[in-house]
Amino acid sequence: MNVLVLYQSRKGHTRAAAEAIAQAARQMDHAVTVKAVIEVRQEDVANADALFVGTWVHGLILFNVRPAGAELWVPALPPLEGKPAGVFCTYLFHPHNSLSKLAAMLEARGATVRGQHAIQRRNPGQGAEAFVQGVLQAGTP
């Protein structure tokens, strides 16, 4: 299976999480490409059997917490029609509903979100294997 891991990172925490997700997929014998969201091309999405898309959480601790910049870069992504996807975010204090917001944005672009994973930025690899396995096995008999 060809897996595409997309990330939007400011300080490198989300990139580290994306790399951990990619490594987990590689350990399951999948071919993996990792790219920043600004680098993705239509061919990348077309060649992918599954996507993982993530960003960091922006906002105050209790107010206006959201997936950072997603309102700008999600609409710029190539069409995601029918692509199974997992969404992830990195956070310092609490992700609140950032995952559901990002999932809704990707579904509006045509993706089928199969899993969500919040990652405390101090431990970017935490839960990566279970997350990848869950997304890639969801919907398969």
N, C-alpha and C. Protein backbone atom coordinates (compact mmCIF):
# COMPACT_ATOMS: atom_id res chain seq x y z
N MET A 1 0.84 -1.17 0.00
CA MET A 1 0.00 0.00 0.00
C MET A 1 0.89 1.24 0.00
N ASN A 2 0.51 2.25 -0.77
CA ASN A 2 1.22 3.53 -0.80
C ASN A 2 0.57 4.49 0.20
N VAL A 3 1.36 4.97 1.14
CA VAL A 3 0.88 5.84 2.20
C VAL A 3 1.54 7.21 2.03
N LEU A 4 0.73 8.25 2.12
CA LEU A 4 1.21 9.63 2.04
C LEU A 4 0.96 10.29 3.39
N VAL A 5 2.03 10.80 4.00
CA VAL A 5 1.93 11.50 5.28
C VAL A 5 2.20 12.97 5.02
N LEU A 6 1.21 13.80 5.30
CA LEU A 6 1.30 15.24 5.10
C LEU A 6 1.30 15.93 6.46
N TYR A 7 2.09 16.98 6.58
CA TYR A 7 2.14 17.68 7.86
C TYR A 7 2.33 19.18 7.63
N GLN A 8 1.90 19.94 8.61
CA GLN A 8 2.15 21.37 8.67
C GLN A 8 2.81 21.58 10.03
N SER A 9 4.04 22.07 10.03
CA SER A 9 4.80 22.18 11.27
C SER A 9 5.44 23.55 11.37
N ARG A 10 5.50 24.05 12.58
CA ARG A 10 6.14 25.35 12.81
C ARG A 10 7.50 25.18 13.47
N LYS A 11 7.56 24.38 14.52
CA LYS A 11 8.81 24.21 15.27
C LYS A 11 9.41 22.83 15.15
N GLY A 12 8.80 21.97 14.33
CA GLY A 12 9.35 20.64 14.11
C GLY A 12 8.66 19.53 14.87
N HIS A 13 7.77 19.84 15.80
CA HIS A 13 7.09 18.80 16.57
C HIS A 13 6.16 17.97 15.69
N THR A 14 5.41 18.62 14.83
CA THR A 14 4.48 17.89 13.97
C THR A 14 5.24 17.13 12.89
N ARG A 15 6.34 17.67 12.44
CA ARG A 15 7.16 16.93 11.48
C ARG A 15 7.70 15.66 12.13
N ALA A 16 8.13 15.74 13.38
CA ALA A 16 8.62 14.56 14.10
C ALA A 16 7.50 13.53 14.25
N ALA A 17 6.30 13.99 14.53
CA ALA A 17 5.15 13.07 14.64
C ALA A 17 4.86 12.43 13.28
N ALA A 18 4.95 13.21 12.21
CA ALA A 18 4.73 12.68 10.87
C ALA A 18 5.77 11.61 10.54
N GLU A 19 7.01 11.84 10.92
CA GLU A 19 8.06 10.86 10.68
C GLU A 19 7.82 9.58 11.50
N ALA A 20 7.32 9.72 12.72
CA ALA A 20 7.00 8.55 13.54
C ALA A 20 5.86 7.75 12.91
N ILE A 21 4.87 8.43 12.38
CA ILE A 21 3.75 7.77 11.69
C ILE A 21 4.28 7.07 10.44
N ALA A 22 5.14 7.73 9.70
CA ALA A 22 5.73 7.13 8.50
C ALA A 22 6.54 5.88 8.86
N GLN A 23 7.32 5.97 9.92
CA GLN A 23 8.12 4.82 10.34
C GLN A 23 7.23 3.65 10.74
N ALA A 24 6.14 3.93 11.43
CA ALA A 24 5.20 2.87 11.82
C ALA A 24 4.62 2.19 10.57
N ALA A 25 4.27 2.98 9.55
CA ALA A 25 3.73 2.41 8.31
C ALA A 25 4.79 1.60 7.57
N ARG A 26 6.02 2.08 7.58
CA ARG A 26 7.11 1.33 6.93
C ARG A 26 7.34 -0.02 7.62
N GLN A 27 7.23 -0.03 8.94
CA GLN A 27 7.41 -1.28 9.69
C GLN A 27 6.31 -2.29 9.37
N MET A 28 5.21 -1.80 8.82
CA MET A 28 4.11 -2.67 8.39
C MET A 28 4.24 -2.99 6.90
N ASP A 29 5.41 -2.72 6.32
CA ASP A 29 5.74 -3.01 4.93
C ASP A 29 4.97 -2.20 3.90
N HIS A 30 4.64 -0.96 4.24
CA HIS A 30 3.99 -0.05 3.29
C HIS A 30 5.03 0.91 2.73
N ALA A 31 4.83 1.33 1.49
CA ALA A 31 5.66 2.36 0.89
C ALA A 31 5.14 3.71 1.38
N VAL A 32 6.03 4.57 1.86
CA VAL A 32 5.60 5.81 2.51
C VAL A 32 6.33 7.01 1.92
N THR A 33 5.57 8.09 1.69
CA THR A 33 6.11 9.38 1.30
C THR A 33 5.68 10.39 2.36
N VAL A 34 6.60 11.22 2.82
CA VAL A 34 6.31 12.26 3.80
C VAL A 34 6.58 13.60 3.16
N LYS A 35 5.59 14.51 3.27
CA LYS A 35 5.74 15.84 2.68
C LYS A 35 5.05 16.88 3.54
N ALA A 36 5.60 18.09 3.50
CA ALA A 36 4.89 19.23 4.08
C ALA A 36 3.68 19.52 3.21
N VAL A 37 2.62 20.04 3.80
CA VAL A 37 1.39 20.28 3.03
C VAL A 37 1.62 21.25 1.87
N ILE A 38 2.59 22.13 2.00
CA ILE A 38 2.84 23.08 0.91
C ILE A 38 3.58 22.43 -0.26
N GLU A 39 4.10 21.22 -0.07
CA GLU A 39 4.85 20.53 -1.12
C GLU A 39 4.01 19.51 -1.89
N VAL A 40 2.84 19.17 -1.39
CA VAL A 40 2.06 18.09 -1.99
C VAL A 40 1.53 18.49 -3.37
N ARG A 41 1.54 17.53 -4.26
CA ARG A 41 1.04 17.72 -5.62
C ARG A 41 -0.09 16.74 -5.88
N GLN A 42 -0.85 17.00 -6.91
CA GLN A 42 -1.98 16.14 -7.25
C GLN A 42 -1.53 14.71 -7.48
N GLU A 43 -0.36 14.52 -8.11
CA GLU A 43 0.14 13.16 -8.37
C GLU A 43 0.41 12.41 -7.07
N ASP A 44 0.88 13.14 -6.05
CA ASP A 44 1.15 12.50 -4.74
C ASP A 44 -0.12 11.91 -4.17
N VAL A 45 -1.19 12.68 -4.21
CA VAL A 45 -2.47 12.21 -3.68
C VAL A 45 -3.03 11.10 -4.55
N ALA A 46 -2.95 11.25 -5.86
CA ALA A 46 -3.47 10.23 -6.77
C ALA A 46 -2.77 8.89 -6.57
N ASN A 47 -1.47 8.91 -6.27
CA ASN A 47 -0.72 7.67 -6.09
C ASN A 47 -0.87 7.05 -4.71
N ALA A 48 -1.47 7.77 -3.79
CA ALA A 48 -1.61 7.28 -2.41
C ALA A 48 -2.85 6.41 -2.25
N ASP A 49 -2.69 5.31 -1.52
CA ASP A 49 -3.83 4.47 -1.15
C ASP A 49 -4.45 4.95 0.16
N ALA A 50 -3.68 5.64 0.97
CA ALA A 50 -4.14 6.17 2.26
C ALA A 50 -3.33 7.41 2.60
N LEU A 51 -3.94 8.32 3.37
CA LEU A 51 -3.31 9.57 3.77
C LEU A 51 -3.30 9.70 5.28
N PHE A 52 -2.29 10.36 5.78
CA PHE A 52 -2.26 10.83 7.16
C PHE A 52 -1.96 12.31 7.07
N VAL A 53 -2.78 13.14 7.71
CA VAL A 53 -2.63 14.58 7.60
C VAL A 53 -2.63 15.17 9.00
N GLY A 54 -1.62 16.00 9.28
CA GLY A 54 -1.54 16.56 10.62
C GLY A 54 -0.99 17.96 10.68
N THR A 55 -1.27 18.60 11.80
CA THR A 55 -0.80 19.96 12.07
C THR A 55 -0.67 20.14 13.58
N TRP A 56 -0.19 21.26 13.97
CA TRP A 56 -0.09 21.61 15.38
C TRP A 56 -1.35 22.35 15.79
N VAL A 57 -1.55 22.45 17.08
CA VAL A 57 -2.73 23.11 17.64
C VAL A 57 -2.38 24.55 17.97
N HIS A 58 -3.25 25.45 17.54
CA HIS A 58 -3.04 26.88 17.76
C HIS A 58 -4.18 27.42 18.60
N GLY A 59 -3.90 28.39 19.42
CA GLY A 59 -4.94 29.04 20.22
C GLY A 59 -4.51 29.16 21.66
N LEU A 60 -5.36 29.82 22.42
CA LEU A 60 -5.12 29.93 23.85
C LEU A 60 -5.50 28.62 24.52
N ILE A 61 -5.09 28.43 25.73
CA ILE A 61 -5.29 27.15 26.42
C ILE A 61 -6.76 26.71 26.40
N LEU A 62 -7.67 27.63 26.62
CA LEU A 62 -9.09 27.28 26.68
C LEU A 62 -9.91 27.88 25.54
N PHE A 63 -9.38 28.84 24.80
CA PHE A 63 -10.18 29.57 23.83
C PHE A 63 -9.60 29.51 22.42
N ASN A 64 -10.49 29.35 21.46
CA ASN A 64 -10.14 29.41 20.04
C ASN A 64 -9.04 28.41 19.65
N VAL A 65 -9.06 27.25 20.27
CA VAL A 65 -8.09 26.20 19.94
C VAL A 65 -8.54 25.56 18.63
N ARG A 66 -7.58 25.45 17.68
CA ARG A 66 -7.93 24.96 16.35
C ARG A 66 -6.69 24.37 15.67
N PRO A 67 -6.91 23.63 14.59
CA PRO A 67 -5.76 23.13 13.83
C PRO A 67 -5.09 24.30 13.12
N ALA A 68 -3.82 24.51 13.41
CA ALA A 68 -3.10 25.70 12.96
C ALA A 68 -3.09 25.87 11.45
N GLY A 69 -3.61 27.00 11.01
CA GLY A 69 -3.56 27.36 9.60
C GLY A 69 -4.38 26.51 8.65
N ALA A 70 -5.10 25.54 9.18
CA ALA A 70 -5.82 24.60 8.31
C ALA A 70 -6.83 25.29 7.41
N GLU A 71 -7.39 26.39 7.87
CA GLU A 71 -8.36 27.09 7.03
C GLU A 71 -7.72 27.64 5.76
N LEU A 72 -6.39 27.73 5.75
CA LEU A 72 -5.66 28.20 4.57
C LEU A 72 -5.12 27.05 3.72
N TRP A 73 -4.49 26.07 4.36
CA TRP A 73 -3.83 25.04 3.56
C TRP A 73 -4.72 23.87 3.17
N VAL A 74 -5.78 23.57 3.93
CA VAL A 74 -6.65 22.46 3.52
C VAL A 74 -7.34 22.76 2.19
N PRO A 75 -7.91 23.94 1.99
CA PRO A 75 -8.52 24.22 0.68
C PRO A 75 -7.53 24.18 -0.48
N ALA A 76 -6.24 24.36 -0.20
CA ALA A 76 -5.23 24.34 -1.26
C ALA A 76 -4.76 22.93 -1.60
N LEU A 77 -5.17 21.93 -0.80
CA LEU A 77 -4.78 20.55 -1.10
C LEU A 77 -5.44 20.08 -2.39
N PRO A 78 -4.82 19.15 -3.09
CA PRO A 78 -5.49 18.55 -4.25
C PRO A 78 -6.75 17.82 -3.78
N PRO A 79 -7.68 17.52 -4.68
CA PRO A 79 -8.88 16.78 -4.29
C PRO A 79 -8.50 15.46 -3.60
N LEU A 80 -9.25 15.12 -2.57
CA LEU A 80 -8.98 13.92 -1.78
C LEU A 80 -10.06 12.86 -1.96
N GLU A 81 -10.83 12.94 -3.02
CA GLU A 81 -11.98 12.08 -3.25
C GLU A 81 -11.70 10.61 -2.98
N GLY A 82 -12.43 10.06 -2.03
CA GLY A 82 -12.39 8.64 -1.74
C GLY A 82 -11.14 8.15 -1.03
N LYS A 83 -10.24 9.03 -0.65
CA LYS A 83 -9.01 8.60 0.00
C LYS A 83 -9.26 8.36 1.50
N PRO A 84 -8.92 7.17 1.99
CA PRO A 84 -9.00 6.94 3.43
C PRO A 84 -7.90 7.77 4.11
N ALA A 85 -8.25 8.34 5.26
CA ALA A 85 -7.31 9.25 5.91
C ALA A 85 -7.33 9.10 7.43
N GLY A 86 -6.20 9.43 8.01
CA GLY A 86 -6.08 9.59 9.45
C GLY A 86 -5.63 11.01 9.71
N VAL A 87 -6.20 11.65 10.72
CA VAL A 87 -5.80 13.01 11.07
C VAL A 87 -5.08 12.99 12.41
N PHE A 88 -4.07 13.84 12.51
CA PHE A 88 -3.35 13.93 13.77
C PHE A 88 -2.98 15.38 14.05
N CYS A 89 -2.76 15.66 15.33
CA CYS A 89 -2.31 16.99 15.71
C CYS A 89 -1.34 16.84 16.87
N THR A 90 -0.44 17.82 16.97
CA THR A 90 0.45 17.88 18.11
C THR A 90 0.02 19.06 18.96
N TYR A 91 0.15 18.90 20.26
CA TYR A 91 -0.33 19.92 21.19
C TYR A 91 0.60 20.01 22.40
N LEU A 92 0.50 21.12 23.12
CA LEU A 92 1.26 21.27 24.36
C LEU A 92 0.36 21.02 25.55
N PHE A 93 -0.81 21.68 25.61
CA PHE A 93 -1.69 21.56 26.77
C PHE A 93 -2.89 20.64 26.52
N HIS A 94 -3.69 20.92 25.51
CA HIS A 94 -4.87 20.12 25.20
C HIS A 94 -5.33 20.43 23.78
N PRO A 95 -5.66 19.41 22.98
CA PRO A 95 -6.05 19.68 21.60
C PRO A 95 -7.50 20.13 21.44
N HIS A 96 -8.30 20.02 22.51
CA HIS A 96 -9.72 20.33 22.45
C HIS A 96 -10.35 19.64 21.24
N ASN A 97 -11.06 20.37 20.38
CA ASN A 97 -11.73 19.72 19.25
C ASN A 97 -10.99 19.95 17.93
N SER A 98 -9.69 20.14 18.00
CA SER A 98 -8.89 20.37 16.79
C SER A 98 -8.98 19.21 15.82
N LEU A 99 -8.97 17.99 16.34
CA LEU A 99 -9.03 16.82 15.46
C LEU A 99 -10.34 16.75 14.70
N SER A 100 -11.44 16.99 15.38
CA SER A 100 -12.73 16.92 14.68
C SER A 100 -12.86 18.05 13.66
N LYS A 101 -12.28 19.21 13.96
CA LYS A 101 -12.30 20.32 12.99
C LYS A 101 -11.50 19.95 11.75
N LEU A 102 -10.30 19.41 11.95
CA LEU A 102 -9.47 19.02 10.82
C LEU A 102 -10.12 17.89 10.03
N ALA A 103 -10.70 16.93 10.73
CA ALA A 103 -11.39 15.83 10.05
C ALA A 103 -12.52 16.35 9.18
N ALA A 104 -13.32 17.28 9.69
CA ALA A 104 -14.43 17.83 8.92
C ALA A 104 -13.93 18.56 7.67
N MET A 105 -12.82 19.28 7.80
CA MET A 105 -12.26 19.99 6.65
C MET A 105 -11.80 19.01 5.57
N LEU A 106 -11.15 17.93 5.98
CA LEU A 106 -10.67 16.95 5.01
C LEU A 106 -11.83 16.19 4.37
N GLU A 107 -12.85 15.89 5.15
CA GLU A 107 -14.02 15.22 4.60
C GLU A 107 -14.73 16.12 3.59
N ALA A 108 -14.73 17.41 3.83
CA ALA A 108 -15.31 18.35 2.87
C ALA A 108 -14.53 18.35 1.55
N ARG A 109 -13.26 17.94 1.60
CA ARG A 109 -12.43 17.84 0.39
C ARG A 109 -12.51 16.45 -0.24
N GLY A 110 -13.32 15.55 0.37
CA GLY A 110 -13.54 14.24 -0.22
C GLY A 110 -12.91 13.06 0.49
N ALA A 111 -12.08 13.30 1.51
CA ALA A 111 -11.43 12.19 2.23
C ALA A 111 -12.44 11.46 3.11
N THR A 112 -12.13 10.21 3.40
CA THR A 112 -12.91 9.42 4.36
C THR A 112 -12.02 9.24 5.59
N VAL A 113 -12.29 10.01 6.64
CA VAL A 113 -11.45 9.97 7.83
C VAL A 113 -11.78 8.72 8.63
N ARG A 114 -10.75 7.90 8.85
CA ARG A 114 -10.90 6.62 9.55
C ARG A 114 -10.32 6.63 10.95
N GLY A 115 -9.61 7.68 11.30
CA GLY A 115 -9.02 7.73 12.64
C GLY A 115 -8.45 9.09 12.95
N GLN A 116 -8.35 9.37 14.26
CA GLN A 116 -7.81 10.63 14.74
C GLN A 116 -6.85 10.34 15.88
N HIS A 117 -5.79 11.15 15.96
CA HIS A 117 -4.78 10.91 16.99
C HIS A 117 -4.16 12.22 17.45
N ALA A 118 -4.31 12.52 18.73
CA ALA A 118 -3.69 13.70 19.33
C ALA A 118 -2.37 13.27 19.96
N ILE A 119 -1.32 14.03 19.70
CA ILE A 119 0.02 13.67 20.13
C ILE A 119 0.61 14.79 20.97
N GLN A 120 0.95 14.49 22.20
CA GLN A 120 1.60 15.47 23.06
C GLN A 120 2.98 15.74 22.45
N ARG A 121 3.28 16.98 22.18
CA ARG A 121 4.45 17.31 21.39
C ARG A 121 5.77 16.87 22.00
N ARG A 122 5.81 16.58 23.29
CA ARG A 122 7.04 16.11 23.92
C ARG A 122 7.34 14.65 23.60
N ASN A 123 6.35 13.93 23.06
CA ASN A 123 6.52 12.52 22.75
C ASN A 123 5.90 12.23 21.38
N PRO A 124 6.55 12.64 20.29
CA PRO A 124 5.94 12.58 18.96
C PRO A 124 5.64 11.17 18.45
N GLY A 125 6.28 10.15 18.99
CA GLY A 125 6.03 8.80 18.51
C GLY A 125 4.96 8.05 19.30
N GLN A 126 4.44 8.66 20.35
CA GLN A 126 3.47 7.98 21.21
C GLN A 126 2.22 7.57 20.44
N GLY A 127 1.95 6.28 20.45
CA GLY A 127 0.73 5.76 19.85
C GLY A 127 0.73 5.68 18.33
N ALA A 128 1.86 5.95 17.70
CA ALA A 128 1.90 5.99 16.23
C ALA A 128 1.54 4.64 15.61
N GLU A 129 2.08 3.56 16.15
CA GLU A 129 1.82 2.24 15.56
C GLU A 129 0.34 1.88 15.62
N ALA A 130 -0.28 2.06 16.77
CA ALA A 130 -1.70 1.73 16.91
C ALA A 130 -2.56 2.61 16.01
N PHE A 131 -2.21 3.90 15.93
CA PHE A 131 -2.95 4.83 15.07
C PHE A 131 -2.88 4.41 13.61
N VAL A 132 -1.68 4.13 13.13
CA VAL A 132 -1.50 3.73 11.73
C VAL A 132 -2.23 2.43 11.46
N GLN A 133 -2.06 1.47 12.31
CA GLN A 133 -2.71 0.18 12.14
C GLN A 133 -4.23 0.33 12.10
N GLY A 134 -4.77 1.13 13.01
CA GLY A 134 -6.21 1.35 13.04
C GLY A 134 -6.76 1.99 11.78
N VAL A 135 -6.06 2.99 11.28
CA VAL A 135 -6.51 3.69 10.07
C VAL A 135 -6.41 2.76 8.85
N LEU A 136 -5.29 2.06 8.73
CA LEU A 136 -5.09 1.24 7.55
C LEU A 136 -5.96 -0.02 7.54
N GLN A 137 -6.37 -0.48 8.71
CA GLN A 137 -7.22 -1.67 8.77
C GLN A 137 -8.70 -1.34 8.79
N ALA A 138 -9.06 -0.10 9.08
CA ALA A 138 -10.48 0.29 9.12
C ALA A 138 -11.08 0.12 7.73
N GLY A 139 -12.21 -0.48 7.68
CA GLY A 139 -12.91 -0.65 6.42
C GLY A 139 -12.45 -1.83 5.59
N THR A 140 -11.45 -2.59 6.09
CA THR A 140 -11.04 -3.78 5.36
C THR A 140 -11.66 -5.00 6.03
N PRO A 141 -12.06 -5.99 5.22
CA PRO A 141 -12.72 -7.16 5.80
C PRO A 141 -11.78 -8.02 6.62
